[in-house]
């Protein structure tokens, strides 16, 4: 089994484990290099892939994701969307904060939030249908028990007796957290979360099992390092120690205009240091 297991985030439904590995492997190797960490061998990193669980079934003449619009955003997704808007307003001067009328979670508020976010620095390159599809992936993981079990099983199966580090990005950090909770006897020494939404109330309140004492491996609990960019809207709550305790270490990196990009997180020295600590 691989010494490092990577867990991807949303929007990867048309990719696969090997496709992502081509991006993650050199990026993480660069991060480890900046940290003067160990070299990354060809078999050291495995991507636990679950994106296909969200991929729409094919049918005649279908291209890409479903043609979602604001009318397809349900109440849960609207709540999440407004949390993203509030987070974007705190970091992007061009984004006005939600007003009293938009906080009512009405269909009009959803339309306004989508319009504002598409003109924000963070979501500028994201199409409307992709943004709505990402919202639906988060909602489905948190509310669809069968899909949640299947996604978590992919991660649990990837973590073997030789696995020492789990690196998880975005929604993948939620999947990885729950998978590690389900395996208290694991040998993982370090959990490294990147751009994690675990501190968002809508996510935190729905974790299974409910957050409590961080489940340890044999011989003690793994070190948890949460790495975030200040401009990362998905990681709306930057300091996860407020929810998971002071044993968690938080670090801030600067990813430029693509604050949530997984490969930019992986190339950071801070990520390399956290991974190296688990390997050595």
C-alpha atoms as a PDB file:
ATOM      1  CA  UNK A   1       0.000   0.000   0.000  1.00  0.00           C
ATOM      2  CA  UNK A   2       1.137   3.591  -0.671  1.00  0.00           C
ATOM      3  CA  UNK A   3       2.773   5.603   2.100  1.00  0.00           C
ATOM      4  CA  UNK A   4       0.684   8.652   1.131  1.00  0.00           C
ATOM      5  CA  UNK A   5      -3.001   8.634   0.200  1.00  0.00           C
ATOM      6  CA  UNK A   6      -4.411  11.680  -1.564  1.00  0.00           C
ATOM      7  CA  UNK A   7      -8.121  12.494  -1.487  1.00  0.00           C
ATOM      8  CA  UNK A   8      -9.438  14.919  -4.115  1.00  0.00           C
ATOM      9  CA  UNK A   9     -12.229  17.479  -3.897  1.00  0.00           C
ATOM     10  CA  UNK A  10     -15.312  18.366  -5.958  1.00  0.00           C
ATOM     11  CA  UNK A  11     -15.471  18.771  -9.707  1.00  0.00           C
ATOM     12  CA  UNK A  12     -13.366  15.710 -10.606  1.00  0.00           C
ATOM     13  CA  UNK A  13     -16.211  13.509 -11.811  1.00  0.00           C
ATOM     14  CA  UNK A  14     -14.810  13.148 -15.327  1.00  0.00           C
ATOM     15  CA  UNK A  15     -11.262  12.336 -14.218  1.00  0.00           C
ATOM     16  CA  UNK A  16      -9.766   9.308 -12.463  1.00  0.00           C
ATOM     17  CA  UNK A  17      -7.107   8.182 -10.020  1.00  0.00           C
ATOM     18  CA  UNK A  18      -4.300   8.003 -12.579  1.00  0.00           C
ATOM     19  CA  UNK A  19      -5.284  11.301 -14.215  1.00  0.00           C
ATOM     20  CA  UNK A  20      -5.125  13.126 -10.895  1.00  0.00           C
ATOM     21  CA  UNK A  21      -1.891  11.369  -9.962  1.00  0.00           C
ATOM     22  CA  UNK A  22      -0.174  13.040 -12.932  1.00  0.00           C
ATOM     23  CA  UNK A  23      -0.905  16.433 -11.329  1.00  0.00           C
ATOM     24  CA  UNK A  24      -0.553  15.548  -7.662  1.00  0.00           C
ATOM     25  CA  UNK A  25       2.714  13.573  -7.861  1.00  0.00           C
ATOM     26  CA  UNK A  26       5.002  16.340  -9.232  1.00  0.00           C
ATOM     27  CA  UNK A  27       3.234  19.029  -7.218  1.00  0.00           C
ATOM     28  CA  UNK A  28       3.726  17.191  -3.931  1.00  0.00           C
ATOM     29  CA  UNK A  29       7.301  16.331  -4.906  1.00  0.00           C
ATOM     30  CA  UNK A  30       7.945  20.063  -5.328  1.00  0.00           C
ATOM     31  CA  UNK A  31       6.425  20.814  -1.927  1.00  0.00           C
ATOM     32  CA  UNK A  32       8.587  18.168  -0.296  1.00  0.00           C
ATOM     33  CA  UNK A  33      11.619  19.559  -2.095  1.00  0.00           C
ATOM     34  CA  UNK A  34      11.032  23.060  -0.740  1.00  0.00           C
ATOM     35  CA  UNK A  35      10.720  21.546   2.732  1.00  0.00           C
ATOM     36  CA  UNK A  36      13.948  19.533   2.362  1.00  0.00           C
ATOM     37  CA  UNK A  37      11.829  16.445   2.872  1.00  0.00           C
ATOM     38  CA  UNK A  38      12.322  12.928   1.520  1.00  0.00           C
ATOM     39  CA  UNK A  39      12.081  12.279  -2.196  1.00  0.00           C
ATOM     40  CA  UNK A  40       8.765  10.992  -3.459  1.00  0.00           C
ATOM     41  CA  UNK A  41       9.043   7.540  -5.013  1.00  0.00           C
ATOM     42  CA  UNK A  42       6.838   6.401  -7.919  1.00  0.00           C
ATOM     43  CA  UNK A  43       4.758   4.141  -5.665  1.00  0.00           C
ATOM     44  CA  UNK A  44       4.579   6.437  -2.632  1.00  0.00           C
ATOM     45  CA  UNK A  45       1.381   8.302  -3.572  1.00  0.00           C
ATOM     46  CA  UNK A  46      -2.031   6.811  -4.323  1.00  0.00           C
ATOM     47  CA  UNK A  47      -5.157   8.840  -5.124  1.00  0.00           C
ATOM     48  CA  UNK A  48      -8.338   7.526  -3.508  1.00  0.00           C
ATOM     49  CA  UNK A  49     -10.803   8.405  -6.256  1.00  0.00           C
ATOM     50  CA  UNK A  50     -14.536   8.791  -5.669  1.00  0.00           C
ATOM     51  CA  UNK A  51     -15.446  11.426  -8.279  1.00  0.00           C
ATOM     52  CA  UNK A  52     -17.142   8.916 -10.580  1.00  0.00           C
ATOM     53  CA  UNK A  53     -19.905   8.540  -7.989  1.00  0.00           C
ATOM     54  CA  UNK A  54     -21.062  12.030  -9.010  1.00  0.00           C
ATOM     55  CA  UNK A  55     -20.697  11.549 -12.752  1.00  0.00           C
ATOM     56  CA  UNK A  56     -24.078  11.721 -14.507  1.00  0.00           C
ATOM     57  CA  UNK A  57     -24.959   8.561 -16.430  1.00  0.00           C
ATOM     58  CA  UNK A  58     -24.367   8.899 -20.142  1.00  0.00           C
ATOM     59  CA  UNK A  59     -27.162   9.063 -22.668  1.00  0.00           C
ATOM     60  CA  UNK A  60     -27.514  10.022 -26.295  1.00  0.00           C
ATOM     61  CA  UNK A  61     -25.989  13.397 -27.212  1.00  0.00           C
ATOM     62  CA  UNK A  62     -25.203  14.360 -23.585  1.00  0.00           C
ATOM     63  CA  UNK A  63     -22.153  16.561 -23.223  1.00  0.00           C
ATOM     64  CA  UNK A  64     -20.595  17.565 -19.910  1.00  0.00           C
ATOM     65  CA  UNK A  65     -22.538  18.252 -16.726  1.00  0.00           C
ATOM     66  CA  UNK A  66     -26.325  18.779 -16.642  1.00  0.00           C
ATOM     67  CA  UNK A  67     -27.450  22.263 -17.738  1.00  0.00           C
ATOM     68  CA  UNK A  68     -28.208  23.509 -14.234  1.00  0.00           C
ATOM     69  CA  UNK A  69     -29.543  27.011 -13.576  1.00  0.00           C
ATOM     70  CA  UNK A  70     -30.457  28.978 -10.441  1.00  0.00           C
ATOM     71  CA  UNK A  71     -33.859  27.254 -10.460  1.00  0.00           C
ATOM     72  CA  UNK A  72     -32.126  23.933  -9.752  1.00  0.00           C
ATOM     73  CA  UNK A  73     -30.592  25.113  -6.448  1.00  0.00           C
ATOM     74  CA  UNK A  74     -32.482  23.573  -3.520  1.00  0.00           C
ATOM     75  CA  UNK A  75     -32.766  24.970   0.010  1.00  0.00           C
ATOM     76  CA  UNK A  76     -29.678  23.187   1.351  1.00  0.00           C
ATOM     77  CA  UNK A  77     -27.567  24.297  -1.607  1.00  0.00           C
ATOM     78  CA  UNK A  78     -28.879  27.837  -1.236  1.00  0.00           C
ATOM     79  CA  UNK A  79     -27.687  27.934   2.378  1.00  0.00           C
ATOM     80  CA  UNK A  80     -24.242  26.751   1.317  1.00  0.00           C
ATOM     81  CA  UNK A  81     -24.165  29.254  -1.546  1.00  0.00           C
ATOM     82  CA  UNK A  82     -24.856  32.152   0.812  1.00  0.00           C
ATOM     83  CA  UNK A  83     -22.069  30.991   3.143  1.00  0.00           C
ATOM     84  CA  UNK A  84     -19.710  31.129   0.177  1.00  0.00           C
ATOM     85  CA  UNK A  85     -20.975  34.617  -0.654  1.00  0.00           C
ATOM     86  CA  UNK A  86     -20.309  35.811   2.888  1.00  0.00           C
ATOM     87  CA  UNK A  87     -16.813  34.312   2.768  1.00  0.00           C
ATOM     88  CA  UNK A  88     -16.097  35.917  -0.611  1.00  0.00           C
ATOM     89  CA  UNK A  89     -17.225  39.324   0.685  1.00  0.00           C
ATOM     90  CA  UNK A  90     -14.693  39.108   3.521  1.00  0.00           C
ATOM     91  CA  UNK A  91     -11.748  38.617   1.155  1.00  0.00           C
ATOM     92  CA  UNK A  92     -12.698  40.234  -2.160  1.00  0.00           C
ATOM     93  CA  UNK A  93     -13.274  44.031  -2.138  1.00  0.00           C
ATOM     94  CA  UNK A  94     -15.296  43.700  -5.343  1.00  0.00           C
ATOM     95  CA  UNK A  95     -17.893  41.463  -3.654  1.00  0.00           C
ATOM     96  CA  UNK A  96     -20.607  43.282  -1.662  1.00  0.00           C
ATOM     97  CA  UNK A  97     -21.781  41.501   1.498  1.00  0.00           C
ATOM     98  CA  UNK A  98     -25.235  39.919   1.487  1.00  0.00           C
ATOM     99  CA  UNK A  99     -27.949  42.320   2.560  1.00  0.00           C
ATOM    100  CA  UNK A 100     -30.930  41.671   4.779  1.00  0.00           C
ATOM    101  CA  UNK A 101     -33.156  40.774   1.834  1.00  0.00           C
ATOM    102  CA  UNK A 102     -30.719  38.190   0.481  1.00  0.00           C
ATOM    103  CA  UNK A 103     -30.294  36.493   3.852  1.00  0.00           C
ATOM    104  CA  UNK A 104     -33.920  35.362   3.598  1.00  0.00           C
ATOM    105  CA  UNK A 105     -32.772  32.376   1.475  1.00  0.00           C
ATOM    106  CA  UNK A 106     -35.330  33.109  -1.241  1.00  0.00           C
ATOM    107  CA  UNK A 107     -35.096  32.123  -4.930  1.00  0.00           C
ATOM    108  CA  UNK A 108     -34.198  35.736  -5.659  1.00  0.00           C
ATOM    109  CA  UNK A 109     -31.377  35.537  -3.102  1.00  0.00           C
ATOM    110  CA  UNK A 110     -30.009  32.437  -4.866  1.00  0.00           C
ATOM    111  CA  UNK A 111     -30.047  34.218  -8.232  1.00  0.00           C
ATOM    112  CA  UNK A 112     -28.294  37.239  -6.723  1.00  0.00           C
ATOM    113  CA  UNK A 113     -25.679  35.084  -4.989  1.00  0.00           C
ATOM    114  CA  UNK A 114     -24.866  33.204  -8.185  1.00  0.00           C
ATOM    115  CA  UNK A 115     -24.556  36.443 -10.138  1.00  0.00           C
ATOM    116  CA  UNK A 116     -22.332  38.067  -7.510  1.00  0.00           C
ATOM    117  CA  UNK A 117     -20.066  35.032  -7.123  1.00  0.00           C
ATOM    118  CA  UNK A 118     -19.592  34.620 -10.864  1.00  0.00           C
ATOM    119  CA  UNK A 119     -18.206  38.162 -10.907  1.00  0.00           C
ATOM    120  CA  UNK A 120     -15.958  37.516  -7.912  1.00  0.00           C
ATOM    121  CA  UNK A 121     -12.242  36.872  -8.158  1.00  0.00           C
ATOM    122  CA  UNK A 122     -12.620  33.375  -6.729  1.00  0.00           C
ATOM    123  CA  UNK A 123     -15.356  32.048  -9.035  1.00  0.00           C
ATOM    124  CA  UNK A 124     -14.491  34.105 -12.125  1.00  0.00           C
ATOM    125  CA  UNK A 125     -13.453  31.061 -14.169  1.00  0.00           C
ATOM    126  CA  UNK A 126     -16.332  28.828 -13.037  1.00  0.00           C
ATOM    127  CA  UNK A 127     -19.408  28.486 -15.245  1.00  0.00           C
ATOM    128  CA  UNK A 128     -22.877  28.702 -13.743  1.00  0.00           C
ATOM    129  CA  UNK A 129     -23.650  25.043 -14.325  1.00  0.00           C
ATOM    130  CA  UNK A 130     -20.294  23.966 -12.871  1.00  0.00           C
ATOM    131  CA  UNK A 131     -20.860  26.108  -9.771  1.00  0.00           C
ATOM    132  CA  UNK A 132     -24.312  24.607  -9.211  1.00  0.00           C
ATOM    133  CA  UNK A 133     -22.971  21.104  -9.891  1.00  0.00           C
ATOM    134  CA  UNK A 134     -20.283  21.616  -7.227  1.00  0.00           C
ATOM    135  CA  UNK A 135     -22.954  22.738  -4.758  1.00  0.00           C
ATOM    136  CA  UNK A 136     -24.903  19.573  -5.496  1.00  0.00           C
ATOM    137  CA  UNK A 137     -21.848  17.364  -4.935  1.00  0.00           C
ATOM    138  CA  UNK A 138     -21.354  18.784  -1.441  1.00  0.00           C
ATOM    139  CA  UNK A 139     -25.064  18.435  -0.657  1.00  0.00           C
ATOM    140  CA  UNK A 140     -25.248  14.883  -1.990  1.00  0.00           C
ATOM    141  CA  UNK A 141     -22.266  13.725   0.044  1.00  0.00           C
ATOM    142  CA  UNK A 142     -23.733  15.157   3.243  1.00  0.00           C
ATOM    143  CA  UNK A 143     -27.305  13.946   2.691  1.00  0.00           C
ATOM    144  CA  UNK A 144     -27.132  10.788   0.543  1.00  0.00           C
ATOM    145  CA  UNK A 145     -26.191   7.948   2.876  1.00  0.00           C
ATOM    146  CA  UNK A 146     -25.429   5.418   0.154  1.00  0.00           C
ATOM    147  CA  UNK A 147     -23.178   7.762  -1.804  1.00  0.00           C
ATOM    148  CA  UNK A 148     -21.440   8.851   1.392  1.00  0.00           C
ATOM    149  CA  UNK A 149     -20.744   5.248   2.355  1.00  0.00           C
ATOM    150  CA  UNK A 150     -19.390   4.464  -1.114  1.00  0.00           C
ATOM    151  CA  UNK A 151     -17.100   7.520  -1.189  1.00  0.00           C
ATOM    152  CA  UNK A 152     -15.785   6.882   2.298  1.00  0.00           C
ATOM    153  CA  UNK A 153     -15.158   3.218   1.478  1.00  0.00           C
ATOM    154  CA  UNK A 154     -12.855   4.264  -1.379  1.00  0.00           C
ATOM    155  CA  UNK A 155     -10.682   6.140   1.115  1.00  0.00           C
ATOM    156  CA  UNK A 156     -10.843   3.472   3.823  1.00  0.00           C
ATOM    157  CA  UNK A 157      -9.757   0.801   1.328  1.00  0.00           C
ATOM    158  CA  UNK A 158      -6.818   2.941   0.155  1.00  0.00           C
ATOM    159  CA  UNK A 159      -5.444   3.352   3.702  1.00  0.00           C
ATOM    160  CA  UNK A 160      -3.316   0.309   4.412  1.00  0.00           C
ATOM    161  CA  UNK A 161      -0.825  -0.712   7.101  1.00  0.00           C
ATOM    162  CA  UNK A 162       1.961   1.160   5.264  1.00  0.00           C
ATOM    163  CA  UNK A 163       0.030   4.431   4.906  1.00  0.00           C
ATOM    164  CA  UNK A 164       1.588   7.173   7.006  1.00  0.00           C
ATOM    165  CA  UNK A 165       0.072  10.361   5.560  1.00  0.00           C
ATOM    166  CA  UNK A 166      -3.355  11.320   4.218  1.00  0.00           C
ATOM    167  CA  UNK A 167      -3.476  14.525   2.148  1.00  0.00           C
ATOM    168  CA  UNK A 168      -7.026  15.672   1.457  1.00  0.00           C
ATOM    169  CA  UNK A 169      -8.310  18.639  -0.548  1.00  0.00           C
ATOM    170  CA  UNK A 170     -11.658  20.440  -0.312  1.00  0.00           C
ATOM    171  CA  UNK A 171     -14.616  18.030   0.087  1.00  0.00           C
ATOM    172  CA  UNK A 172     -12.012  15.261   0.203  1.00  0.00           C
ATOM    173  CA  UNK A 173     -11.005  16.501   3.649  1.00  0.00           C
ATOM    174  CA  UNK A 174     -14.520  15.707   4.879  1.00  0.00           C
ATOM    175  CA  UNK A 175     -14.378  12.231   3.342  1.00  0.00           C
ATOM    176  CA  UNK A 176     -10.894  11.619   4.776  1.00  0.00           C
ATOM    177  CA  UNK A 177     -11.845  12.825   8.252  1.00  0.00           C
ATOM    178  CA  UNK A 178     -14.817  10.492   8.387  1.00  0.00           C
ATOM    179  CA  UNK A 179     -12.820   7.589   6.937  1.00  0.00           C
ATOM    180  CA  UNK A 180     -10.108   7.963   9.590  1.00  0.00           C
ATOM    181  CA  UNK A 181     -12.763   8.188  12.301  1.00  0.00           C
ATOM    182  CA  UNK A 182     -14.078   4.852  11.062  1.00  0.00           C
ATOM    183  CA  UNK A 183     -10.627   3.221  11.402  1.00  0.00           C
ATOM    184  CA  UNK A 184      -9.313   4.017  14.908  1.00  0.00           C
ATOM    185  CA  UNK A 185      -6.560   1.404  14.601  1.00  0.00           C
ATOM    186  CA  UNK A 186      -4.934   2.947  11.525  1.00  0.00           C
ATOM    187  CA  UNK A 187      -1.209   3.703  11.320  1.00  0.00           C
ATOM    188  CA  UNK A 188      -1.550   7.168   9.785  1.00  0.00           C
ATOM    189  CA  UNK A 189       0.829   9.626  11.435  1.00  0.00           C
ATOM    190  CA  UNK A 190      -0.281  12.819   9.703  1.00  0.00           C
ATOM    191  CA  UNK A 191      -3.488  14.207   8.236  1.00  0.00           C
ATOM    192  CA  UNK A 192      -2.930  17.216   5.973  1.00  0.00           C
ATOM    193  CA  UNK A 193      -6.073  19.054   4.881  1.00  0.00           C
ATOM    194  CA  UNK A 194      -5.989  21.654   2.112  1.00  0.00           C
ATOM    195  CA  UNK A 195      -8.711  24.255   1.532  1.00  0.00           C
ATOM    196  CA  UNK A 196     -11.037  22.364   3.848  1.00  0.00           C
ATOM    197  CA  UNK A 197     -14.730  23.234   4.405  1.00  0.00           C
ATOM    198  CA  UNK A 198     -14.823  21.257   7.671  1.00  0.00           C
ATOM    199  CA  UNK A 199     -15.379  24.435   9.700  1.00  0.00           C
ATOM    200  CA  UNK A 200     -18.501  25.483   7.807  1.00  0.00           C
ATOM    201  CA  UNK A 201     -21.491  24.997  10.080  1.00  0.00           C
ATOM    202  CA  UNK A 202     -23.504  23.172   7.417  1.00  0.00           C
ATOM    203  CA  UNK A 203     -20.654  20.657   7.089  1.00  0.00           C
ATOM    204  CA  UNK A 204     -19.565  20.422  10.712  1.00  0.00           C
ATOM    205  CA  UNK A 205     -23.086  19.753  11.994  1.00  0.00           C
ATOM    206  CA  UNK A 206     -23.494  16.839   9.561  1.00  0.00           C
ATOM    207  CA  UNK A 207     -20.220  14.993  10.180  1.00  0.00           C
ATOM    208  CA  UNK A 208     -20.551  11.269  10.854  1.00  0.00           C
ATOM    209  CA  UNK A 209     -19.549  10.432  13.476  1.00  0.00           C
ATOM    210  CA  UNK A 210     -20.232  13.684  15.279  1.00  0.00           C
ATOM    211  CA  UNK A 211     -16.953  15.478  16.101  1.00  0.00           C
ATOM    212  CA  UNK A 212     -15.459  14.590  19.431  1.00  0.00           C
ATOM    213  CA  UNK A 213     -12.043  13.380  20.482  1.00  0.00           C
ATOM    214  CA  UNK A 214      -9.843  13.008  17.410  1.00  0.00           C
ATOM    215  CA  UNK A 215      -9.610   9.226  16.867  1.00  0.00           C
ATOM    216  CA  UNK A 216      -6.080   7.996  17.311  1.00  0.00           C
ATOM    217  CA  UNK A 217      -4.023   5.314  15.699  1.00  0.00           C
ATOM    218  CA  UNK A 218      -2.145   2.670  17.670  1.00  0.00           C
ATOM    219  CA  UNK A 219       0.381   4.525  19.789  1.00  0.00           C
ATOM    220  CA  UNK A 220      -1.220   7.956  19.650  1.00  0.00           C
ATOM    221  CA  UNK A 221      -3.220  10.411  17.557  1.00  0.00           C
ATOM    222  CA  UNK A 222      -1.943  11.550  14.162  1.00  0.00           C
ATOM    223  CA  UNK A 223      -0.773  15.117  13.727  1.00  0.00           C
ATOM    224  CA  UNK A 224      -3.340  17.196  11.867  1.00  0.00           C
ATOM    225  CA  UNK A 225      -2.185  20.193   9.827  1.00  0.00           C
ATOM    226  CA  UNK A 226      -4.808  22.326   8.095  1.00  0.00           C
ATOM    227  CA  UNK A 227      -3.455  24.532   5.304  1.00  0.00           C
ATOM    228  CA  UNK A 228      -5.513  27.360   3.861  1.00  0.00           C
ATOM    229  CA  UNK A 229      -5.272  30.390   1.609  1.00  0.00           C
ATOM    230  CA  UNK A 230      -6.934  33.507   3.039  1.00  0.00           C
ATOM    231  CA  UNK A 231      -8.773  33.983  -0.252  1.00  0.00           C
ATOM    232  CA  UNK A 232     -10.124  30.425  -0.386  1.00  0.00           C
ATOM    233  CA  UNK A 233     -13.902  30.819  -0.209  1.00  0.00           C
ATOM    234  CA  UNK A 234     -14.548  27.071   0.083  1.00  0.00           C
ATOM    235  CA  UNK A 235     -12.518  27.085   3.295  1.00  0.00           C
ATOM    236  CA  UNK A 236     -14.824  29.710   4.757  1.00  0.00           C
ATOM    237  CA  UNK A 237     -13.612  29.056   8.323  1.00  0.00           C
ATOM    238  CA  UNK A 238      -9.833  29.314   8.330  1.00  0.00           C
ATOM    239  CA  UNK A 239      -9.058  28.211  11.899  1.00  0.00           C
ATOM    240  CA  UNK A 240     -10.311  24.650  12.359  1.00  0.00           C
ATOM    241  CA  UNK A 241      -8.893  24.466  15.874  1.00  0.00           C
ATOM    242  CA  UNK A 242     -12.000  26.392  16.956  1.00  0.00           C
ATOM    243  CA  UNK A 243     -13.964  23.224  16.189  1.00  0.00           C
ATOM    244  CA  UNK A 244     -11.463  20.381  16.494  1.00  0.00           C
ATOM    245  CA  UNK A 245      -9.153  21.485  19.302  1.00  0.00           C
ATOM    246  CA  UNK A 246      -5.766  23.089  19.733  1.00  0.00           C
ATOM    247  CA  UNK A 247      -3.817  19.950  18.799  1.00  0.00           C
ATOM    248  CA  UNK A 248      -4.635  20.873  15.211  1.00  0.00           C
ATOM    249  CA  UNK A 249      -2.047  23.146  13.561  1.00  0.00           C
ATOM    250  CA  UNK A 250      -3.234  25.780  11.096  1.00  0.00           C
ATOM    251  CA  UNK A 251      -1.016  27.324   8.424  1.00  0.00           C
ATOM    252  CA  UNK A 252      -1.701  30.008   5.814  1.00  0.00           C
ATOM    253  CA  UNK A 253      -0.243  29.909   2.301  1.00  0.00           C
ATOM    254  CA  UNK A 254      -0.599  32.204  -0.707  1.00  0.00           C
ATOM    255  CA  UNK A 255      -1.882  30.581  -3.897  1.00  0.00           C
ATOM    256  CA  UNK A 256      -2.455  33.780  -5.853  1.00  0.00           C
ATOM    257  CA  UNK A 257      -5.577  34.146  -7.978  1.00  0.00           C
ATOM    258  CA  UNK A 258      -6.384  30.413  -7.853  1.00  0.00           C
ATOM    259  CA  UNK A 259      -6.738  30.180  -4.103  1.00  0.00           C
ATOM    260  CA  UNK A 260      -8.459  26.780  -4.005  1.00  0.00           C
ATOM    261  CA  UNK A 261      -6.295  24.968  -6.564  1.00  0.00           C
ATOM    262  CA  UNK A 262      -5.090  21.614  -5.210  1.00  0.00           C
ATOM    263  CA  UNK A 263      -1.758  21.602  -7.040  1.00  0.00           C
ATOM    264  CA  UNK A 264      -0.878  25.052  -5.712  1.00  0.00           C
ATOM    265  CA  UNK A 265      -1.558  23.849  -2.178  1.00  0.00           C
ATOM    266  CA  UNK A 266       0.601  20.778  -2.817  1.00  0.00           C
ATOM    267  CA  UNK A 267       3.603  22.777  -4.053  1.00  0.00           C
ATOM    268  CA  UNK A 268       3.663  24.915  -0.900  1.00  0.00           C
ATOM    269  CA  UNK A 269       6.572  24.446   1.482  1.00  0.00           C
ATOM    270  CA  UNK A 270       4.116  24.232   4.376  1.00  0.00           C
ATOM    271  CA  UNK A 271       2.421  21.231   2.788  1.00  0.00           C
ATOM    272  CA  UNK A 272       5.773  19.578   2.170  1.00  0.00           C
ATOM    273  CA  UNK A 273       6.768  20.094   5.805  1.00  0.00           C
ATOM    274  CA  UNK A 274       3.539  18.554   7.107  1.00  0.00           C
ATOM    275  CA  UNK A 275       3.838  15.535   4.805  1.00  0.00           C
ATOM    276  CA  UNK A 276       7.551  15.080   5.581  1.00  0.00           C
ATOM    277  CA  UNK A 277       6.820  15.038   9.294  1.00  0.00           C
ATOM    278  CA  UNK A 278       4.479  12.104   8.810  1.00  0.00           C
ATOM    279  CA  UNK A 279       6.961  10.200   6.657  1.00  0.00           C
ATOM    280  CA  UNK A 280      10.098  10.541   8.791  1.00  0.00           C
END
